[in-house]
Amino acid sequence: MNFLVGAFKPPCNITITFSDGKSRKQVSIKKDNGKTAMVPLFQSQETISGEVVIDPIQGKKVEHNGVKVELLGQIELYFDRGNFYDFTSLVRELDVPGEIYERKTYPFEFSTVEMPYESYNGINVRLRYILKVTVSRNYVSNIVEYQEFCVHNYTPLPTINNSIKMEVGIEDCLHIEFEYNKSKYHLKDVIIGKIYFLLVRIKIKNMELEIRRRESTGSGPNTYVETETLAKFELMDGAPVRGESIPIRLFLSPYELTPTYRNINNKFSVKYFLNLVLVDEEDRRYFKQQEITVYRLQETS
């Protein structure tokens, strides 16, 4: 029985390392098994280089039809799990057909790689970047090894960033005006604003501000929309009076936000909304939703 188990084990170990793996910033990602792992962080137009080491198990040789390394950018929709859509695909041939008897090291380099989208792990979709090493073999299955890495892309400060001003209300009952200081926020930003009560004829019990993320995947009849409430921030407890002004100051850094993603490769979008919720004494809820744009600002070290 042990012989049978051993017969299906690959005859070598493959390791993939990055040239600057020890000095490069690492970020945590969630793996298929639910555990987290630390992987190196890159951005678009960077060069990705390193080494592939193939180490035959003692007493075994590896007969192969060639060795290659691929850099893949992939999108997986969870309703179509297991099918990856490659939007980036680069390949480097590392070895011609032959045999490997002892540990062998292959350097590789992908220079100034176009990685237009960020790594993302959502409710119904995942976007990932991997290095995939394949040792091609005849008659038996290929030996494959993967190494994931993460991509973040940065946006400069927007030149135009208008404030958001809106008036909402219920005729002859409630009339409020709210204002947020801008419409585009970076991931570590602060939302500053105010809410002004022009008319209050219903008894408001409390008021809160929510940050909501809406992820839409697929298209046509296969469109799936998931909305999560990432944060709830109580603005007021008790009844306001006419002419009262309530300040807003909400820090974004404690929350796990991503940038806004619009129609990524025609597969998915991620949008963020500020949702203002008022609750009256009869527990009726009144709310007004406003989309904001979130972007990733280059961190200064």
C-alpha atoms as a PDB file:
ATOM      1  CA  MET A   1       0.000   0.000   0.000  1.00  0.00           C
ATOM      2  CA  ASN A   2       2.860   2.357   0.901  1.00  0.00           C
ATOM      3  CA  PHE A   3       4.395   1.624  -2.470  1.00  0.00           C
ATOM      4  CA  LEU A   4       1.172   2.740  -4.196  1.00  0.00           C
ATOM      5  CA  VAL A   5       1.058   5.987  -2.225  1.00  0.00           C
ATOM      6  CA  GLY A   6       4.699   6.677  -3.084  1.00  0.00           C
ATOM      7  CA  ALA A   7       4.094   5.942  -6.755  1.00  0.00           C
ATOM      8  CA  PHE A   8       1.779   8.934  -7.080  1.00  0.00           C
ATOM      9  CA  LYS A   9       4.051  11.387  -5.279  1.00  0.00           C
ATOM     10  CA  PRO A  10       5.942  13.775  -7.572  1.00  0.00           C
ATOM     11  CA  PRO A  11       9.601  12.760  -7.967  1.00  0.00           C
ATOM     12  CA  CYS A  12      10.850  16.247  -7.052  1.00  0.00           C
ATOM     13  CA  ASN A  13      10.211  19.311  -4.915  1.00  0.00           C
ATOM     14  CA  ILE A  14       9.758  22.707  -6.592  1.00  0.00           C
ATOM     15  CA  THR A  15      10.323  26.009  -4.819  1.00  0.00           C
ATOM     16  CA  ILE A  16       9.735  29.500  -6.255  1.00  0.00           C
ATOM     17  CA  THR A  17      11.484  32.480  -4.682  1.00  0.00           C
ATOM     18  CA  PHE A  18      11.457  36.184  -5.541  1.00  0.00           C
ATOM     19  CA  SER A  19      14.771  38.051  -5.984  1.00  0.00           C
ATOM     20  CA  ASP A  20      13.828  40.709  -3.448  1.00  0.00           C
ATOM     21  CA  GLY A  21      11.430  38.553  -1.434  1.00  0.00           C
ATOM     22  CA  LYS A  22      13.113  39.280   1.913  1.00  0.00           C
ATOM     23  CA  SER A  23      13.291  43.053   1.520  1.00  0.00           C
ATOM     24  CA  ARG A  24       9.949  43.600  -0.252  1.00  0.00           C
ATOM     25  CA  LYS A  25       6.830  44.542   1.723  1.00  0.00           C
ATOM     26  CA  GLN A  26       4.625  41.543   2.561  1.00  0.00           C
ATOM     27  CA  VAL A  27       0.836  41.569   2.857  1.00  0.00           C
ATOM     28  CA  SER A  28      -1.565  38.943   4.082  1.00  0.00           C
ATOM     29  CA  ILE A  29      -3.953  37.131   1.713  1.00  0.00           C
ATOM     30  CA  LYS A  30      -6.619  34.517   2.338  1.00  0.00           C
ATOM     31  CA  LYS A  31      -5.908  31.122   0.764  1.00  0.00           C
ATOM     32  CA  ASP A  32      -8.389  28.517  -0.553  1.00  0.00           C
ATOM     33  CA  ASN A  33      -8.311  26.629   2.771  1.00  0.00           C
ATOM     34  CA  GLY A  34      -9.370  29.763   4.661  1.00  0.00           C
ATOM     35  CA  LYS A  35      -5.945  30.318   6.212  1.00  0.00           C
ATOM     36  CA  THR A  36      -3.939  33.487   5.647  1.00  0.00           C
ATOM     37  CA  ALA A  37      -0.449  33.681   4.179  1.00  0.00           C
ATOM     38  CA  MET A  38       2.085  36.478   3.768  1.00  0.00           C
ATOM     39  CA  VAL A  39       3.038  37.207   0.141  1.00  0.00           C
ATOM     40  CA  PRO A  40       5.164  39.914  -1.523  1.00  0.00           C
ATOM     41  CA  LEU A  41       3.470  43.094  -2.751  1.00  0.00           C
ATOM     42  CA  PHE A  42       4.012  44.506  -6.256  1.00  0.00           C
ATOM     43  CA  GLN A  43       2.494  47.229  -8.406  1.00  0.00           C
ATOM     44  CA  SER A  44       1.948  47.513 -12.158  1.00  0.00           C
ATOM     45  CA  GLN A  45       5.013  48.042 -14.376  1.00  0.00           C
ATOM     46  CA  GLU A  46       7.378  46.445 -11.850  1.00  0.00           C
ATOM     47  CA  THR A  47       9.851  43.705 -12.833  1.00  0.00           C
ATOM     48  CA  ILE A  48       9.168  40.328 -11.238  1.00  0.00           C
ATOM     49  CA  SER A  49      12.226  38.093 -11.055  1.00  0.00           C
ATOM     50  CA  GLY A  50      13.494  35.218  -8.993  1.00  0.00           C
ATOM     51  CA  GLU A  51      14.535  31.580  -9.070  1.00  0.00           C
ATOM     52  CA  VAL A  52      12.859  28.237  -9.558  1.00  0.00           C
ATOM     53  CA  VAL A  53      14.613  25.334  -7.826  1.00  0.00           C
ATOM     54  CA  ILE A  54      13.808  21.749  -8.858  1.00  0.00           C
ATOM     55  CA  ASP A  55      15.162  19.238  -6.346  1.00  0.00           C
ATOM     56  CA  PRO A  56      14.687  15.535  -7.262  1.00  0.00           C
ATOM     57  CA  ILE A  57      13.837  13.241  -4.373  1.00  0.00           C
ATOM     58  CA  GLN A  58      16.848  11.138  -3.467  1.00  0.00           C
ATOM     59  CA  GLY A  59      17.330   8.202  -5.812  1.00  0.00           C
ATOM     60  CA  LYS A  60      14.868   9.512  -8.404  1.00  0.00           C
ATOM     61  CA  LYS A  61      15.372  11.257 -11.704  1.00  0.00           C
ATOM     62  CA  VAL A  62      12.879  13.600 -13.370  1.00  0.00           C
ATOM     63  CA  GLU A  63      12.278  12.906 -17.065  1.00  0.00           C
ATOM     64  CA  HIS A  64      10.513  15.863 -18.632  1.00  0.00           C
ATOM     65  CA  ASN A  65       9.426  17.503 -21.880  1.00  0.00           C
ATOM     66  CA  GLY A  66      10.455  20.966 -20.759  1.00  0.00           C
ATOM     67  CA  VAL A  67      10.117  23.314 -17.792  1.00  0.00           C
ATOM     68  CA  LYS A  68       8.330  26.665 -17.951  1.00  0.00           C
ATOM     69  CA  VAL A  69       7.243  29.442 -15.599  1.00  0.00           C
ATOM     70  CA  GLU A  70       4.096  31.497 -16.261  1.00  0.00           C
ATOM     71  CA  LEU A  71       2.929  34.767 -14.730  1.00  0.00           C
ATOM     72  CA  LEU A  72      -0.875  34.747 -14.676  1.00  0.00           C
ATOM     73  CA  GLY A  73      -3.470  37.319 -13.678  1.00  0.00           C
ATOM     74  CA  GLN A  74      -6.769  35.496 -13.123  1.00  0.00           C
ATOM     75  CA  ILE A  75     -10.373  36.198 -12.199  1.00  0.00           C
ATOM     76  CA  GLU A  76     -12.506  33.457 -10.641  1.00  0.00           C
ATOM     77  CA  LEU A  77     -16.259  33.928 -10.193  1.00  0.00           C
ATOM     78  CA  TYR A  78     -17.536  31.717  -7.394  1.00  0.00           C
ATOM     79  CA  PHE A  79     -20.722  30.699  -9.231  1.00  0.00           C
ATOM     80  CA  ASP A  80     -18.317  29.351 -11.885  1.00  0.00           C
ATOM     81  CA  ARG A  81     -15.755  28.048  -9.375  1.00  0.00           C
ATOM     82  CA  GLY A  82     -12.672  26.414 -10.827  1.00  0.00           C
ATOM     83  CA  ASN A  83     -12.866  28.335 -14.115  1.00  0.00           C
ATOM     84  CA  PHE A  84     -10.222  31.040 -14.218  1.00  0.00           C
ATOM     85  CA  TYR A  85     -10.316  33.873 -16.733  1.00  0.00           C
ATOM     86  CA  ASP A  86      -6.747  34.899 -17.574  1.00  0.00           C
ATOM     87  CA  PHE A  87      -6.396  38.623 -18.312  1.00  0.00           C
ATOM     88  CA  THR A  88      -2.575  38.537 -18.076  1.00  0.00           C
ATOM     89  CA  SER A  89      -0.507  35.603 -19.319  1.00  0.00           C
ATOM     90  CA  LEU A  90       3.268  35.645 -19.780  1.00  0.00           C
ATOM     91  CA  VAL A  91       5.563  32.620 -20.147  1.00  0.00           C
ATOM     92  CA  ARG A  92       9.297  31.912 -19.924  1.00  0.00           C
ATOM     93  CA  GLU A  93      10.751  28.580 -21.053  1.00  0.00           C
ATOM     94  CA  LEU A  94      13.266  27.462 -18.433  1.00  0.00           C
ATOM     95  CA  ASP A  95      14.547  24.132 -19.803  1.00  0.00           C
ATOM     96  CA  VAL A  96      14.464  21.985 -22.948  1.00  0.00           C
ATOM     97  CA  PRO A  97      13.308  18.316 -22.735  1.00  0.00           C
ATOM     98  CA  GLY A  98      15.702  16.135 -20.801  1.00  0.00           C
ATOM     99  CA  GLU A  99      16.378  14.580 -17.400  1.00  0.00           C
ATOM    100  CA  ILE A 100      17.136  16.134 -14.022  1.00  0.00           C
ATOM    101  CA  TYR A 101      19.248  14.048 -11.649  1.00  0.00           C
ATOM    102  CA  GLU A 102      20.208  16.656  -9.063  1.00  0.00           C
ATOM    103  CA  ARG A 103      19.084  19.982  -7.665  1.00  0.00           C
ATOM    104  CA  LYS A 104      18.827  22.533 -10.470  1.00  0.00           C
ATOM    105  CA  THR A 105      18.248  26.314 -10.249  1.00  0.00           C
ATOM    106  CA  TYR A 106      16.600  28.358 -13.004  1.00  0.00           C
ATOM    107  CA  PRO A 107      16.582  32.174 -12.831  1.00  0.00           C
ATOM    108  CA  PHE A 108      13.597  33.945 -14.417  1.00  0.00           C
ATOM    109  CA  GLU A 109      12.544  37.530 -15.097  1.00  0.00           C
ATOM    110  CA  PHE A 110       9.356  39.227 -16.289  1.00  0.00           C
ATOM    111  CA  SER A 111      10.264  42.861 -16.920  1.00  0.00           C
ATOM    112  CA  THR A 112       7.909  45.847 -16.447  1.00  0.00           C
ATOM    113  CA  VAL A 113       4.796  43.683 -16.183  1.00  0.00           C
ATOM    114  CA  GLU A 114       1.452  45.316 -16.980  1.00  0.00           C
ATOM    115  CA  MET A 115      -0.784  44.412 -14.000  1.00  0.00           C
ATOM    116  CA  PRO A 116      -3.781  46.706 -14.511  1.00  0.00           C
ATOM    117  CA  TYR A 117      -6.023  45.369 -11.741  1.00  0.00           C
ATOM    118  CA  GLU A 118      -5.547  44.952  -8.007  1.00  0.00           C
ATOM    119  CA  SER A 119      -5.625  41.648  -6.160  1.00  0.00           C
ATOM    120  CA  TYR A 120      -9.099  41.245  -4.640  1.00  0.00           C
ATOM    121  CA  ASN A 121     -10.823  38.570  -2.572  1.00  0.00           C
ATOM    122  CA  GLY A 122     -14.553  39.271  -2.356  1.00  0.00           C
ATOM    123  CA  ILE A 123     -17.778  37.436  -1.550  1.00  0.00           C
ATOM    124  CA  ASN A 124     -18.440  36.113  -5.063  1.00  0.00           C
ATOM    125  CA  VAL A 125     -15.213  36.849  -6.932  1.00  0.00           C
ATOM    126  CA  ARG A 126     -11.464  36.593  -6.594  1.00  0.00           C
ATOM    127  CA  LEU A 127      -8.743  38.310  -8.623  1.00  0.00           C
ATOM    128  CA  ARG A 128      -5.267  36.891  -8.108  1.00  0.00           C
ATOM    129  CA  TYR A 129      -1.757  36.929  -9.550  1.00  0.00           C
ATOM    130  CA  ILE A 130       0.359  33.772  -9.514  1.00  0.00           C
ATOM    131  CA  LEU A 131       3.620  32.345 -10.750  1.00  0.00           C
ATOM    132  CA  LYS A 132       2.988  28.836 -12.093  1.00  0.00           C
ATOM    133  CA  VAL A 133       5.861  26.406 -12.753  1.00  0.00           C
ATOM    134  CA  THR A 134       5.081  23.382 -14.952  1.00  0.00           C
ATOM    135  CA  VAL A 135       7.354  20.380 -15.491  1.00  0.00           C
ATOM    136  CA  SER A 136       5.806  18.698 -18.562  1.00  0.00           C
ATOM    137  CA  ARG A 137       5.933  14.877 -18.669  1.00  0.00           C
ATOM    138  CA  ASN A 138       4.862  12.079 -20.993  1.00  0.00           C
ATOM    139  CA  TYR A 139       2.275   9.457 -19.945  1.00  0.00           C
ATOM    140  CA  VAL A 140       2.032  10.813 -16.386  1.00  0.00           C
ATOM    141  CA  SER A 141       0.593  14.033 -15.069  1.00  0.00           C
ATOM    142  CA  ASN A 142       2.636  17.218 -15.176  1.00  0.00           C
ATOM    143  CA  ILE A 143       4.257  18.500 -11.983  1.00  0.00           C
ATOM    144  CA  VAL A 144       2.876  21.956 -11.147  1.00  0.00           C
ATOM    145  CA  GLU A 145       3.761  24.425  -8.401  1.00  0.00           C
ATOM    146  CA  TYR A 146       2.115  27.816  -7.666  1.00  0.00           C
ATOM    147  CA  GLN A 147       3.301  30.934  -5.868  1.00  0.00           C
ATOM    148  CA  GLU A 148       0.814  33.719  -5.304  1.00  0.00           C
ATOM    149  CA  PHE A 149       1.709  37.391  -4.941  1.00  0.00           C
ATOM    150  CA  CYS A 150      -0.314  40.556  -4.375  1.00  0.00           C
ATOM    151  CA  VAL A 151      -0.744  43.684  -6.520  1.00  0.00           C
ATOM    152  CA  HIS A 152      -1.777  47.160  -5.320  1.00  0.00           C
ATOM    153  CA  ASN A 153      -2.034  50.111  -7.679  1.00  0.00           C
ATOM    154  CA  TYR A 154      -1.871  53.708  -6.528  1.00  0.00           C
ATOM    155  CA  THR A 155      -3.778  56.802  -7.594  1.00  0.00           C
ATOM    156  CA  PRO A 156      -2.536  60.398  -7.280  1.00  0.00           C
ATOM    157  CA  LEU A 157      -4.649  62.918  -5.382  1.00  0.00           C
ATOM    158  CA  PRO A 158      -7.644  63.893  -7.554  1.00  0.00           C
ATOM    159  CA  THR A 159      -7.435  67.364  -9.054  1.00  0.00           C
ATOM    160  CA  ILE A 160     -11.209  67.829  -8.716  1.00  0.00           C
ATOM    161  CA  ASN A 161     -12.897  66.570  -5.558  1.00  0.00           C
ATOM    162  CA  ASN A 162     -16.298  68.177  -5.148  1.00  0.00           C
ATOM    163  CA  SER A 163     -18.215  68.142  -1.900  1.00  0.00           C
ATOM    164  CA  ILE A 164     -21.537  66.305  -1.695  1.00  0.00           C
ATOM    165  CA  LYS A 165     -24.564  68.415  -0.761  1.00  0.00           C
ATOM    166  CA  MET A 166     -28.103  67.075  -0.685  1.00  0.00           C
ATOM    167  CA  GLU A 167     -31.499  67.928   0.709  1.00  0.00           C
ATOM    168  CA  VAL A 168     -33.846  65.100   1.631  1.00  0.00           C
ATOM    169  CA  GLY A 169     -37.134  64.915   3.403  1.00  0.00           C
ATOM    170  CA  ILE A 170     -40.720  63.854   3.730  1.00  0.00           C
ATOM    171  CA  GLU A 171     -43.184  66.542   2.795  1.00  0.00           C
ATOM    172  CA  ASP A 172     -44.362  68.613   5.805  1.00  0.00           C
ATOM    173  CA  CYS A 173     -42.704  66.126   8.211  1.00  0.00           C
ATOM    174  CA  LEU A 174     -38.965  66.140   7.901  1.00  0.00           C
ATOM    175  CA  HIS A 175     -36.499  68.200   5.904  1.00  0.00           C
ATOM    176  CA  ILE A 176     -32.741  67.794   6.344  1.00  0.00           C
ATOM    177  CA  GLU A 177     -29.690  68.977   4.482  1.00  0.00           C
ATOM    178  CA  PHE A 178     -26.471  67.027   4.605  1.00  0.00           C
ATOM    179  CA  GLU A 179     -23.012  67.775   3.355  1.00  0.00           C
ATOM    180  CA  TYR A 180     -19.831  65.678   3.067  1.00  0.00           C
ATOM    181  CA  ASN A 181     -16.565  67.543   2.523  1.00  0.00           C
ATOM    182  CA  LYS A 182     -15.629  65.586  -0.633  1.00  0.00           C
ATOM    183  CA  SER A 183     -16.780  62.781  -2.922  1.00  0.00           C
ATOM    184  CA  LYS A 184     -13.440  60.918  -3.267  1.00  0.00           C
ATOM    185  CA  TYR A 185     -11.623  59.483  -0.267  1.00  0.00           C
ATOM    186  CA  HIS A 186      -8.388  57.537   0.098  1.00  0.00           C
ATOM    187  CA  LEU A 187      -8.258  54.412   2.278  1.00  0.00           C
ATOM    188  CA  LYS A 188      -6.872  56.245   5.341  1.00  0.00           C
ATOM    189  CA  ASP A 189      -8.996  59.354   4.920  1.00  0.00           C
ATOM    190  CA  VAL A 190     -11.503  61.022   7.267  1.00  0.00           C
ATOM    191  CA  ILE A 191     -15.082  61.757   6.232  1.00  0.00           C
ATOM    192  CA  ILE A 192     -16.006  65.193   7.567  1.00  0.00           C
ATOM    193  CA  GLY A 193     -19.470  66.661   7.165  1.00  0.00           C
ATOM    194  CA  LYS A 194     -22.569  67.974   8.852  1.00  0.00           C
ATOM    195  CA  ILE A 195     -26.290  67.386   8.936  1.00  0.00           C
ATOM    196  CA  TYR A 196     -28.645  70.336   9.320  1.00  0.00           C
ATOM    197  CA  PHE A 197     -32.283  69.955  10.378  1.00  0.00           C
ATOM    198  CA  LEU A 198     -34.531  72.429   8.541  1.00  0.00           C
ATOM    199  CA  LEU A 199     -37.871  70.918   9.596  1.00  0.00           C
ATOM    200  CA  VAL A 200     -38.589  68.256  12.234  1.00  0.00           C
ATOM    201  CA  ARG A 201     -42.212  67.202  12.782  1.00  0.00           C
ATOM    202  CA  ILE A 202     -41.595  63.532  13.510  1.00  0.00           C
ATOM    203  CA  LYS A 203     -39.868  62.237  16.632  1.00  0.00           C
ATOM    204  CA  ILE A 204     -36.435  61.000  15.626  1.00  0.00           C
ATOM    205  CA  LYS A 205     -34.977  58.460  18.064  1.00  0.00           C
ATOM    206  CA  ASN A 206     -31.466  58.153  16.644  1.00  0.00           C
ATOM    207  CA  MET A 207     -29.394  58.647  13.523  1.00  0.00           C
ATOM    208  CA  GLU A 208     -26.422  56.712  12.176  1.00  0.00           C
ATOM    209  CA  LEU A 209     -24.075  56.698   9.206  1.00  0.00           C
ATOM    210  CA  GLU A 210     -23.167  53.398   7.523  1.00  0.00           C
ATOM    211  CA  ILE A 211     -20.390  52.545   5.084  1.00  0.00           C
ATOM    212  CA  ARG A 212     -21.651  49.971   2.610  1.00  0.00           C
ATOM    213  CA  ARG A 213     -19.785  47.960   0.008  1.00  0.00           C
ATOM    214  CA  ARG A 214     -21.681  46.667  -3.011  1.00  0.00           C
ATOM    215  CA  GLU A 215     -20.038  43.930  -5.071  1.00  0.00           C
ATOM    216  CA  SER A 216     -21.676  43.030  -8.381  1.00  0.00           C
ATOM    217  CA  THR A 217     -20.422  40.089 -10.425  1.00  0.00           C
ATOM    218  CA  GLY A 218     -21.351  38.527 -13.760  1.00  0.00           C
ATOM    219  CA  SER A 219     -23.690  40.031 -16.315  1.00  0.00           C
ATOM    220  CA  GLY A 220     -27.247  39.659 -17.638  1.00  0.00           C
ATOM    221  CA  PRO A 221     -29.233  36.909 -15.889  1.00  0.00           C
ATOM    222  CA  ASN A 222     -26.052  35.804 -14.083  1.00  0.00           C
ATOM    223  CA  THR A 223     -25.603  39.083 -12.220  1.00  0.00           C
ATOM    224  CA  TYR A 224     -25.087  38.683  -8.475  1.00  0.00           C
ATOM    225  CA  VAL A 225     -25.122  41.695  -6.148  1.00  0.00           C
ATOM    226  CA  GLU A 226     -23.907  41.462  -2.542  1.00  0.00           C
ATOM    227  CA  THR A 227     -24.115  44.409  -0.150  1.00  0.00           C
ATOM    228  CA  GLU A 228     -22.224  44.417   3.142  1.00  0.00           C
ATOM    229  CA  THR A 229     -22.376  46.996   5.904  1.00  0.00           C
ATOM    230  CA  LEU A 230     -18.744  47.530   6.904  1.00  0.00           C
ATOM    231  CA  ALA A 231     -19.259  50.184   9.565  1.00  0.00           C
ATOM    232  CA  LYS A 232     -22.019  51.796  11.625  1.00  0.00           C
ATOM    233  CA  PHE A 233     -21.360  55.141  13.220  1.00  0.00           C
ATOM    234  CA  GLU A 234     -23.898  56.685  15.593  1.00  0.00           C
ATOM    235  CA  LEU A 235     -24.311  60.393  14.861  1.00  0.00           C
ATOM    236  CA  MET A 236     -27.081  61.273  17.294  1.00  0.00           C
ATOM    237  CA  ASP A 237     -29.092  59.713  20.085  1.00  0.00           C
ATOM    238  CA  GLY A 238     -32.276  61.579  20.932  1.00  0.00           C
ATOM    239  CA  ALA A 239     -34.612  63.977  19.188  1.00  0.00           C
ATOM    240  CA  PRO A 240     -33.174  66.850  17.133  1.00  0.00           C
ATOM    241  CA  VAL A 241     -34.812  70.262  16.936  1.00  0.00           C
ATOM    242  CA  ARG A 242     -35.230  72.591  13.998  1.00  0.00           C
ATOM    243  CA  GLY A 243     -32.054  74.488  13.197  1.00  0.00           C
ATOM    244  CA  GLU A 244     -29.814  71.923  14.886  1.00  0.00           C
ATOM    245  CA  SER A 245     -26.553  70.962  13.155  1.00  0.00           C
ATOM    246  CA  ILE A 246     -24.882  67.569  13.746  1.00  0.00           C
ATOM    247  CA  PRO A 247     -21.164  67.218  12.868  1.00  0.00           C
ATOM    248  CA  ILE A 248     -19.759  64.105  11.167  1.00  0.00           C
ATOM    249  CA  ARG A 249     -16.192  62.861  11.595  1.00  0.00           C
ATOM    250  CA  LEU A 250     -15.628  59.284  10.480  1.00  0.00           C
ATOM    251  CA  PHE A 251     -12.143  57.747  10.156  1.00  0.00           C
ATOM    252  CA  LEU A 252     -11.826  55.152   7.379  1.00  0.00           C
ATOM    253  CA  SER A 253      -8.525  53.568   8.459  1.00  0.00           C
ATOM    254  CA  PRO A 254     -10.027  51.054  10.974  1.00  0.00           C
ATOM    255  CA  TYR A 255     -12.099  49.409   8.236  1.00  0.00           C
ATOM    256  CA  GLU A 256     -10.938  46.918   5.627  1.00  0.00           C
ATOM    257  CA  LEU A 257     -11.788  48.905   2.521  1.00  0.00           C
ATOM    258  CA  THR A 258     -10.514  48.409  -1.001  1.00  0.00           C
ATOM    259  CA  PRO A 259     -10.492  51.033  -3.733  1.00  0.00           C
ATOM    260  CA  THR A 260     -13.606  51.431  -5.889  1.00  0.00           C
ATOM    261  CA  TYR A 261     -13.369  49.015  -8.844  1.00  0.00           C
ATOM    262  CA  ARG A 262     -15.438  49.802 -11.922  1.00  0.00           C
ATOM    263  CA  ASN A 263     -16.209  47.012 -14.403  1.00  0.00           C
ATOM    264  CA  ILE A 264     -12.977  45.059 -13.962  1.00  0.00           C
ATOM    265  CA  ASN A 265     -12.389  43.087 -17.179  1.00  0.00           C
ATOM    266  CA  ASN A 266     -16.219  43.088 -17.685  1.00  0.00           C
ATOM    267  CA  LYS A 267     -16.452  40.644 -14.758  1.00  0.00           C
ATOM    268  CA  PHE A 268     -17.112  42.585 -11.555  1.00  0.00           C
ATOM    269  CA  SER A 269     -17.433  45.982  -9.844  1.00  0.00           C
ATOM    270  CA  VAL A 270     -17.015  47.139  -6.245  1.00  0.00           C
ATOM    271  CA  LYS A 271     -18.677  50.367  -5.117  1.00  0.00           C
ATOM    272  CA  TYR A 272     -18.933  52.181  -1.787  1.00  0.00           C
ATOM    273  CA  PHE A 273     -21.863  54.122  -0.351  1.00  0.00           C
ATOM    274  CA  LEU A 274     -22.500  56.344   2.642  1.00  0.00           C
ATOM    275  CA  ASN A 275     -25.951  55.469   3.994  1.00  0.00           C
ATOM    276  CA  LEU A 276     -27.602  57.946   6.337  1.00  0.00           C
ATOM    277  CA  VAL A 277     -30.231  56.233   8.506  1.00  0.00           C
ATOM    278  CA  LEU A 278     -32.818  57.954  10.730  1.00  0.00           C
ATOM    279  CA  VAL A 279     -35.046  55.929  13.058  1.00  0.00           C
ATOM    280  CA  ASP A 280     -38.216  57.391  14.573  1.00  0.00           C
ATOM    281  CA  GLU A 281     -39.893  56.405  17.830  1.00  0.00           C
ATOM    282  CA  GLU A 282     -42.096  53.897  16.022  1.00  0.00           C
ATOM    283  CA  ASP A 283     -38.942  52.241  14.616  1.00  0.00           C
ATOM    284  CA  ARG A 284     -39.622  53.379  11.078  1.00  0.00           C
ATOM    285  CA  ARG A 285     -36.386  53.834   9.173  1.00  0.00           C
ATOM    286  CA  TYR A 286     -35.637  56.627   6.734  1.00  0.00           C
ATOM    287  CA  PHE A 287     -32.441  56.507   4.758  1.00  0.00           C
ATOM    288  CA  LYS A 288     -30.530  58.234   2.006  1.00  0.00           C
ATOM    289  CA  GLN A 289     -27.655  56.604   0.178  1.00  0.00           C
ATOM    290  CA  GLN A 290     -24.820  58.407  -1.593  1.00  0.00           C
ATOM    291  CA  GLU A 291     -21.999  56.807  -3.584  1.00  0.00           C
ATOM    292  CA  ILE A 292     -18.414  57.816  -2.817  1.00  0.00           C
ATOM    293  CA  THR A 293     -15.212  56.926  -4.674  1.00  0.00           C
ATOM    294  CA  VAL A 294     -12.434  55.226  -2.703  1.00  0.00           C
ATOM    295  CA  TYR A 295      -8.865  55.172  -4.001  1.00  0.00           C
ATOM    296  CA  ARG A 296      -5.438  53.969  -2.845  1.00  0.00           C
ATOM    297  CA  LEU A 297      -2.957  56.767  -2.199  1.00  0.00           C
ATOM    298  CA  GLN A 298       0.774  55.992  -2.346  1.00  0.00           C
ATOM    299  CA  GLU A 299       1.980  55.574   1.234  1.00  0.00           C
ATOM    300  CA  THR A 300       4.946  57.714   2.209  1.00  0.00           C
ATOM    301  CA  SER A 301       7.499  55.765   4.192  1.00  0.00           C
END
